Protein backbone atom coordinates (compact mmCIF):
# COMPACT_ATOMS: atom_id res chain seq x y z
CA MET A 1 -16.00 30.06 11.63
CA SER A 2 -14.49 28.10 8.77
CA THR A 3 -16.45 27.83 5.56
CA PRO A 4 -16.69 24.29 4.16
CA ALA A 5 -15.33 23.96 0.63
CA ILE A 6 -15.01 21.04 -1.75
CA PRO A 7 -11.29 20.30 -2.26
CA GLU A 8 -9.62 19.89 -5.62
CA GLN A 9 -9.75 16.45 -7.09
CA ALA A 10 -6.76 14.20 -6.41
CA LYS A 11 -4.47 12.13 -8.58
CA LEU A 12 -4.93 8.42 -8.00
CA VAL A 13 -1.66 6.54 -7.48
CA ILE A 14 -1.60 2.77 -7.00
CA GLY A 15 1.39 0.69 -5.98
CA VAL A 16 1.52 -3.03 -6.70
CA PHE A 17 4.09 -5.42 -5.34
CA LEU A 18 4.40 -9.08 -6.17
CA LYS A 19 6.85 -11.88 -6.72
CA ASP A 20 5.70 -13.05 -10.16
CA ARG A 21 6.27 -10.09 -12.48
CA ASP A 22 4.20 -11.78 -15.21
CA LEU A 23 1.06 -10.96 -13.21
CA ILE A 24 1.50 -7.21 -13.64
CA GLY A 25 -0.17 -7.24 -17.07
CA PRO A 26 -3.49 -8.72 -15.91
CA ILE A 27 -3.42 -6.60 -12.74
CA ALA A 28 -2.76 -3.43 -14.77
CA GLU A 29 -5.69 -4.34 -17.05
CA SER A 30 -7.96 -4.76 -14.02
CA LEU A 31 -6.85 -1.40 -12.61
CA ALA A 32 -7.38 0.34 -15.97
CA LYS A 33 -10.84 -1.19 -16.28
CA GLU A 34 -11.80 0.27 -12.89
CA PHE A 35 -9.94 3.59 -12.90
CA GLY A 36 -9.15 4.42 -16.52
CA PRO A 37 -5.77 4.38 -18.23
CA PRO A 38 -2.63 5.21 -16.31
CA ASP A 39 -0.70 8.25 -17.43
CA MET A 40 2.56 7.11 -15.82
CA VAL A 41 3.97 3.71 -14.86
CA SER A 42 7.20 3.29 -12.93
CA ARG A 43 9.96 0.98 -13.95
CA TRP A 44 10.33 -2.13 -11.81
CA LEU A 45 11.39 -1.07 -8.32
CA PRO A 46 12.96 -3.44 -5.81
CA PHE A 47 10.89 -4.11 -2.71
CA ASP A 48 13.68 -4.88 -0.29
CA TYR A 49 13.23 -2.61 2.70
CA THR A 50 11.36 -5.21 4.79
CA ASP A 51 10.92 -8.97 5.02
CA TYR A 52 7.44 -8.60 6.58
CA TYR A 53 5.71 -9.96 3.46
CA GLU A 54 8.08 -12.87 2.74
CA PRO A 55 6.00 -15.54 4.53
CA GLU A 56 3.01 -14.72 2.34
CA PHE A 57 4.68 -13.80 -0.95
CA GLY A 58 8.19 -15.22 -0.88
CA SER A 59 11.09 -13.23 -2.27
CA PRO A 60 12.38 -11.33 -4.06
CA LEU A 61 9.48 -8.92 -4.42
CA TYR A 62 9.08 -6.24 -7.08
CA ARG A 63 6.99 -3.10 -7.23
CA ARG A 64 5.38 -1.02 -9.94
CA ILE A 65 3.60 2.28 -9.37
CA PHE A 66 0.77 3.56 -11.56
CA SER A 67 -0.62 7.08 -11.64
CA PHE A 68 -3.93 7.59 -13.41
CA ALA A 69 -4.98 10.21 -15.91
CA SER A 70 -8.49 10.74 -14.52
CA LEU A 71 -8.69 12.69 -11.29
CA VAL A 72 -10.87 11.46 -8.42
CA GLU A 73 -12.77 13.03 -5.57
CA GLN A 74 -10.78 12.97 -2.34
CA ASP A 75 -13.66 11.48 -0.37
CA SER A 76 -13.63 8.35 -2.57
CA LEU A 77 -10.44 6.90 -1.05
CA ALA A 78 -12.26 4.22 0.96
CA ASP A 79 -14.21 3.13 -2.14
CA VAL A 80 -10.99 2.91 -4.17
CA LYS A 81 -9.36 0.74 -1.48
CA LEU A 82 -12.33 -1.61 -1.44
CA VAL A 83 -12.11 -1.98 -5.23
CA THR A 84 -8.37 -2.73 -5.08
CA ASN A 85 -9.04 -5.27 -2.31
CA GLU A 86 -11.44 -7.06 -4.69
CA ILE A 87 -8.79 -7.05 -7.42
CA GLU A 88 -6.31 -8.55 -4.94
CA LYS A 89 -8.80 -11.33 -4.20
CA ARG A 90 -8.84 -12.26 -7.90
CA PHE A 91 -5.09 -12.81 -7.69
CA THR A 92 -4.79 -15.36 -4.90
CA SER A 93 -3.50 -18.90 -4.60
CA GLY A 94 -5.22 -20.76 -1.82
CA LYS A 95 -5.31 -18.28 1.03
CA LYS A 96 -2.24 -16.36 -0.10
CA ARG A 97 -2.34 -13.17 -2.15
CA LEU A 98 -0.16 -13.10 -5.22
CA ALA A 99 -0.15 -9.29 -5.26
CA ASN A 100 -0.50 -6.46 -2.79
CA ILE A 101 -2.27 -3.39 -4.19
CA ASP A 102 -1.94 -0.09 -2.31
CA PRO A 103 -3.97 2.89 -3.54
CA GLY A 104 -3.28 6.45 -2.54
CA PHE A 105 -4.14 10.03 -3.45
CA LEU A 106 -1.73 12.72 -4.45
CA THR A 107 -2.64 16.39 -4.00
CA ARG A 108 -0.62 19.60 -4.10
CA GLU A 109 0.05 19.28 -0.36
CA ARG A 110 0.30 15.58 0.44
CA PHE A 111 0.35 11.92 -0.45
CA VAL A 112 -2.13 9.73 1.43
CA LEU A 113 -2.35 5.93 1.34
CA ALA A 114 -5.45 3.88 2.10
CA THR A 115 -5.24 0.99 4.56
CA GLY A 116 -7.46 -1.35 6.49
CA LYS A 117 -5.16 -1.17 9.52
CA ASN A 118 -5.77 1.31 12.32
CA PHE A 119 -2.96 3.18 14.04
CA ALA A 120 -2.61 6.42 16.04
CA HIS A 121 -1.87 8.64 13.02
CA ARG A 122 -4.53 7.17 10.73
CA ILE A 123 -7.96 8.72 10.24
CA TYR A 124 -11.00 6.49 9.87
CA LEU A 125 -12.81 7.07 6.58
CA GLY A 126 -15.58 4.51 6.94
CA ARG A 127 -16.26 0.97 5.74
CA GLY A 128 -13.19 -0.35 7.55
CA ILE A 129 -10.71 1.91 5.73
CA TYR A 130 -8.26 4.46 7.14
CA ALA A 131 -6.29 7.30 5.56
CA ASP A 132 -2.55 7.23 6.25
CA LEU A 133 -0.87 10.60 5.74
CA THR A 134 2.37 9.34 4.20
CA LEU A 135 4.21 12.36 2.77
CA ILE A 136 3.89 16.13 3.02
CA TYR A 137 4.93 18.38 0.12
CA ARG A 138 6.79 21.59 0.90
CA LYS A 139 9.78 23.46 -0.50
CA LYS A 140 9.56 21.55 -3.80
CA GLU A 141 9.91 18.07 -2.31
CA PHE A 142 8.08 15.41 -0.36
CA HIS A 143 8.95 15.06 3.31
CA ALA A 144 8.56 11.84 5.23
CA LEU A 145 6.91 11.64 8.61
CA GLU A 146 8.06 9.43 11.46
CA TRP A 147 5.68 6.66 10.35
CA THR A 148 6.32 6.89 6.59
CA TYR A 149 7.30 3.56 5.07
CA PRO A 150 11.02 3.71 4.18
CA ASP A 151 10.49 3.06 0.46
CA TYR A 152 8.16 6.08 0.19
CA ALA A 153 10.58 8.31 2.07
CA GLN A 154 13.32 8.40 -0.54
CA GLY A 155 14.68 6.97 -3.74
CA ASP A 156 12.92 6.01 -6.94
CA LEU A 157 9.42 5.76 -5.50
CA ASN A 158 9.64 9.27 -4.06
CA ARG A 159 11.00 10.60 -7.38
CA PHE A 160 8.09 8.95 -9.22
CA LEU A 161 5.63 10.69 -6.89
CA LEU A 162 7.32 14.05 -7.52
CA LEU A 163 6.91 13.55 -11.28
CA ALA A 164 3.29 12.48 -10.83
CA ARG A 165 2.69 15.59 -8.72
CA GLU A 166 4.21 17.80 -11.44
CA ARG A 167 1.88 16.28 -14.01
CA TYR A 168 -1.08 16.66 -11.63
CA VAL A 169 -0.38 20.35 -10.90
CA TRP A 170 0.25 21.08 -14.58
CA GLY A 171 -3.10 19.46 -15.44
CA LEU A 172 -4.93 21.49 -12.79
CA GLN A 173 -3.39 24.71 -14.10
CA ALA A 174 -4.17 23.84 -17.72
CA ASN A 175 -7.81 23.07 -16.86
CA SER A 176 -8.24 26.27 -14.84
CA SER A 177 -7.02 28.41 -17.73
CA ARG A 178 -9.49 26.93 -20.23
CA PRO A 179 -12.55 29.06 -21.03
């Protein structure tokens, strides 16, 4: 029989993509108000691996990734997604979103995104939200799965997540060695 155990807290990572880069300031303020200050922010990353979002957002699209200093409980992923959905609603024009905000959790072993869309590999968390196992960490790097979005699978976004993971693991080790 397995013995239930509370997992380590996770590092909150939130990706934002948009067309109007001037909106990132107010969006970042909204995220910080809800989740505390970020400890890392990516440079502007191109969002050019798909044209799926062009009808809603136009092009070109740009992305920024935020990782947050405060750790969160892993079972709060659905709540975090609902909060980011509300922030998205504040940044709309008519019926079109001006920003897409994608929260996820980073742990020692994996990177998981939250989504409102069901699919075979996604696990229902409740309240209309699913967990999407996006990357698995092993042998000192993240490995994509067959369903991993191409921008998460390689390049600058993946390197950012590796740095965020280093900071996360270092923080866990530093906290465990304190009296």
